[in-house]
Each structure stands twice: as structure tokens, then as C-alpha cells.
């Protein structure tokens, strides 16, 4: 799960982080995320833990103090770099989901999407479009597809959900297909 180390200005982002953490934990899904106790990351992790969920953090050494590692996680991997973090998160995850966040969130999302495009993994890469946060990015994806920069068969890699129930349904559908 990729999400912001900040809260953002819209209360809907906070509500969505709490909802997705609790919903995924209640549905029996473990969560792999950046390992922080602050921002949307912390809210999501706390909500999942409150429901008895398994939450695994992956945090580079250089971010341990700035992002404040969550101390109640099921597990925490401390890695040497952002590149190692991204690779480890993809390896540990069955799906990759981007909630609202900043450049780091987008960096992780796009790397996971690109790796899926070139066949390095076959896991779903999903935008969690809370309150229209990703509308402009979704429109840009459609433009990239329309202009021929993303092949039609790669369009199948592009998934968008707008709430926790849609995410769980997509994950269940994906599990049945794979």
C-alpha cells in the first residue's frame, strides 16, 4: 500500500486510510506499506492493527527518524535504500495500491506499474481514487493510451477503485483469475 506520510487537507483522505486499513484487515488481507506511524500511513496501519490485522512495514534506514517507524507492526524491514524498499514491497505484496499521497507515493506506484508493463511481476497495480484525488492522473492515463504510449493490452493493467469494498472485490476477482 502506497500512501502519504502527510495527512493531506481533505478529511476524506484520513477517513479512507482508516476505512481501508480496517476493511483489509477484517477481510483477512495483510498490509505491506512504508512502515511509518505518521500521516495516512500511520492511520491506515493503526486501523488495520485495531482489527487484528497483520501489518508489515518496509522502511529505508535514512527515513527511520524522519518518518518515525511504527513500533507496533507485525513486522518491520529496515532496508538500505528506496530502491530496495520498492523491490521488497513488490516482492512481499500480492497487489499494489496507491492512496492519495505526494511524489514518493507516485514514484512507488509508477515503478510498480512499469514493472508490471515489462513483465517483472503480474500483480494488480491499483489507484485508490479518494474523492477524485487521481482524476487528472486517470485522464492522463487515458491520453497515454489514446496516443499509443500504453498499448491496449497494457490497459488491462490499469485499475481504479473509489472505496474499500471495490478494492476487496477487485482483489477477490484477481485471486480467482490467477
Protein backbone atom coordinates (compact mmCIF):
# COMPACT_ATOMS: atom_id res chain seq x y z
CA UNK A 1 0.00 0.00 0.00
CA UNK A 2 1.47 3.31 -1.06
CA UNK A 3 0.18 6.35 0.82
CA UNK A 4 1.26 9.70 2.12
CA UNK A 5 3.43 10.42 5.12
CA UNK A 6 1.29 13.56 5.40
CA UNK A 7 -2.45 13.75 6.14
CA UNK A 8 -3.44 15.98 3.24
CA UNK A 9 -6.03 18.73 3.56
CA UNK A 10 -9.17 16.75 2.74
CA UNK A 11 -10.78 14.87 5.65
CA UNK A 12 -11.85 12.19 3.13
CA UNK A 13 -8.23 11.04 2.80
CA UNK A 14 -8.00 10.35 6.53
CA UNK A 15 -11.35 8.57 6.54
CA UNK A 16 -10.30 6.45 3.56
CA UNK A 17 -7.00 5.46 5.21
CA UNK A 18 -8.85 4.30 8.32
CA UNK A 19 -11.51 2.54 6.25
CA UNK A 20 -9.04 0.71 4.01
CA UNK A 21 -6.88 -0.42 6.91
CA UNK A 22 -9.83 -1.79 8.86
CA UNK A 23 -11.56 -3.30 5.83
CA UNK A 24 -8.49 -5.11 4.52
CA UNK A 25 -7.68 -6.48 7.98
CA UNK A 26 -11.29 -7.61 8.52
CA UNK A 27 -11.23 -9.34 5.11
CA UNK A 28 -8.08 -11.23 6.10
CA UNK A 29 -5.57 -9.34 3.98
CA UNK A 30 -2.16 -8.44 5.37
CA UNK A 31 -0.91 -4.94 4.56
CA UNK A 32 2.59 -4.13 3.36
CA UNK A 33 3.40 -0.41 3.46
CA UNK A 34 6.16 2.11 4.14
CA UNK A 35 6.36 1.45 7.88
CA UNK A 36 5.65 4.94 9.25
CA UNK A 37 3.45 5.85 12.18
CA UNK A 38 2.71 9.32 10.77
CA UNK A 39 0.39 10.63 8.06
CA UNK A 40 -2.05 8.48 6.15
CA UNK A 41 0.39 5.60 6.51
CA UNK A 42 0.05 5.65 10.29
CA UNK A 43 -3.73 5.97 10.24
CA UNK A 44 -4.07 3.02 7.89
CA UNK A 45 -1.70 0.84 9.91
CA UNK A 46 -3.40 1.70 13.21
CA UNK A 47 -6.84 0.87 11.76
CA UNK A 48 -5.62 -2.50 10.47
CA UNK A 49 -3.89 -3.34 13.74
CA UNK A 50 -7.04 -2.40 15.69
CA UNK A 51 -8.90 -5.06 13.67
CA UNK A 52 -6.22 -7.67 14.45
CA UNK A 53 -4.62 -7.40 11.02
CA UNK A 54 -1.06 -8.20 10.03
CA UNK A 55 0.85 -5.08 9.01
CA UNK A 56 4.36 -5.21 7.60
CA UNK A 57 6.46 -2.07 7.18
CA UNK A 58 9.40 -1.59 4.83
CA UNK A 59 11.45 1.49 5.64
CA UNK A 60 14.86 2.68 4.47
CA UNK A 61 17.35 3.43 7.23
CA UNK A 62 17.56 7.11 6.25
CA UNK A 63 13.81 7.57 6.81
CA UNK A 64 13.58 5.86 10.18
CA UNK A 65 13.89 9.07 12.16
CA UNK A 66 12.12 11.45 9.77
CA UNK A 67 9.08 9.23 9.13
CA UNK A 68 9.10 7.69 12.61
CA UNK A 69 8.89 3.93 12.28
CA UNK A 70 5.70 2.39 13.65
CA UNK A 71 6.61 0.29 16.68
CA UNK A 72 3.50 -1.92 16.92
CA UNK A 73 3.71 -3.55 13.50
CA UNK A 74 3.59 -7.27 12.90
CA UNK A 75 6.97 -6.88 11.22
CA UNK A 76 9.32 -4.13 10.07
CA UNK A 77 12.02 -4.49 7.44
CA UNK A 78 14.70 -1.82 7.63
CA UNK A 79 16.42 -1.64 4.25
CA UNK A 80 19.38 0.23 2.81
CA UNK A 81 17.67 2.36 0.14
CA UNK A 82 14.44 3.47 -1.51
CA UNK A 83 15.18 1.14 -4.42
CA UNK A 84 15.44 -1.81 -2.04
CA UNK A 85 12.25 -0.66 -0.31
CA UNK A 86 10.30 -0.60 -3.57
CA UNK A 87 11.56 -4.02 -4.64
CA UNK A 88 10.88 -5.53 -1.20
CA UNK A 89 7.34 -4.11 -1.08
CA UNK A 90 6.55 -5.54 -4.52
CA UNK A 91 8.01 -8.90 -3.53
CA UNK A 92 6.03 -9.08 -0.27
CA UNK A 93 2.73 -7.86 -1.76
CA UNK A 94 0.02 -9.60 -3.76
CA UNK A 95 -1.31 -6.26 -5.03
CA UNK A 96 -0.01 -2.70 -5.07
CA UNK A 97 -2.37 0.12 -4.19
CA UNK A 98 -1.72 3.88 -4.25
CA UNK A 99 -3.81 6.01 -1.92
CA UNK A 100 -3.54 9.81 -2.05
CA UNK A 101 0.00 10.96 -1.43
CA UNK A 102 2.83 13.01 -2.83
CA UNK A 103 5.75 12.42 -5.15
CA UNK A 104 7.02 9.42 -3.18
CA UNK A 105 3.66 7.70 -3.48
CA UNK A 106 3.58 8.34 -7.22
CA UNK A 107 7.19 7.21 -7.63
CA UNK A 108 6.39 3.88 -5.97
CA UNK A 109 3.14 3.48 -7.92
CA UNK A 110 4.74 4.20 -11.30
CA UNK A 111 7.65 1.88 -10.67
CA UNK A 112 5.23 -0.94 -9.76
CA UNK A 113 3.12 -0.15 -12.85
CA UNK A 114 6.17 -0.07 -15.12
CA UNK A 115 7.45 -3.36 -13.72
CA UNK A 116 4.05 -4.91 -14.48
CA UNK A 117 4.20 -3.50 -18.05
CA UNK A 118 7.55 -5.14 -18.72
CA UNK A 119 6.60 -8.42 -17.06
CA UNK A 120 8.66 -8.27 -13.86
CA UNK A 121 5.52 -9.11 -11.86
CA UNK A 122 1.87 -9.91 -12.58
CA UNK A 123 0.29 -8.27 -9.54
CA UNK A 124 -2.51 -5.74 -9.87
CA UNK A 125 -1.43 -2.11 -9.56
CA UNK A 126 -4.35 -0.02 -8.34
CA UNK A 127 -5.15 3.66 -7.84
CA UNK A 128 -7.41 4.28 -4.86
CA UNK A 129 -9.15 7.41 -6.15
CA UNK A 130 -10.42 9.00 -2.94
CA UNK A 131 -12.75 11.95 -3.55
CA UNK A 132 -11.40 12.46 -7.09
CA UNK A 133 -7.77 12.81 -5.97
CA UNK A 134 -6.48 10.92 -9.02
CA UNK A 135 -8.99 12.19 -11.63
CA UNK A 136 -6.36 14.20 -13.54
CA UNK A 137 -3.92 11.27 -13.49
CA UNK A 138 -6.64 8.90 -14.73
CA UNK A 139 -7.39 11.31 -17.58
CA UNK A 140 -3.69 11.41 -18.40
CA UNK A 141 -3.50 7.60 -18.47
CA UNK A 142 -6.40 7.60 -20.94
CA UNK A 143 -4.50 10.16 -23.05
CA UNK A 144 -1.34 7.97 -22.98
CA UNK A 145 -3.44 5.01 -24.11
CA UNK A 146 -5.24 7.05 -26.77
CA UNK A 147 -1.95 8.45 -28.09
CA UNK A 148 -0.38 4.99 -28.29
CA UNK A 149 2.14 5.27 -25.45
CA UNK A 150 0.48 2.49 -23.48
CA UNK A 151 -0.50 -0.49 -25.61
CA UNK A 152 -4.10 -1.66 -25.47
CA UNK A 153 -3.17 -4.96 -23.81
CA UNK A 154 -1.35 -2.98 -21.12
CA UNK A 155 -4.57 -1.05 -20.46
CA UNK A 156 -5.68 -4.20 -18.62
CA UNK A 157 -3.02 -3.37 -16.01
CA UNK A 158 -4.73 -0.08 -15.11
CA UNK A 159 -7.14 -0.44 -12.18
CA UNK A 160 -9.02 2.26 -10.27
CA UNK A 161 -11.21 1.87 -7.18
CA UNK A 162 -13.05 4.52 -5.19
CA UNK A 163 -13.74 2.73 -1.91
CA UNK A 164 -12.57 -0.13 0.26
CA UNK A 165 -15.34 -2.50 -0.85
CA UNK A 166 -14.37 -2.05 -4.52
CA UNK A 167 -10.77 -2.79 -3.61
CA UNK A 168 -11.66 -6.01 -1.78
CA UNK A 169 -13.89 -7.08 -4.70
CA UNK A 170 -11.05 -6.44 -7.16
CA UNK A 171 -8.60 -8.38 -5.01
CA UNK A 172 -11.02 -11.30 -4.76
CA UNK A 173 -11.65 -11.23 -8.51
CA UNK A 174 -7.93 -11.15 -9.20
CA UNK A 175 -7.32 -14.12 -6.87
CA UNK A 176 -9.95 -16.16 -8.76
CA UNK A 177 -8.32 -15.37 -12.13
CA UNK A 178 -4.70 -16.01 -11.16
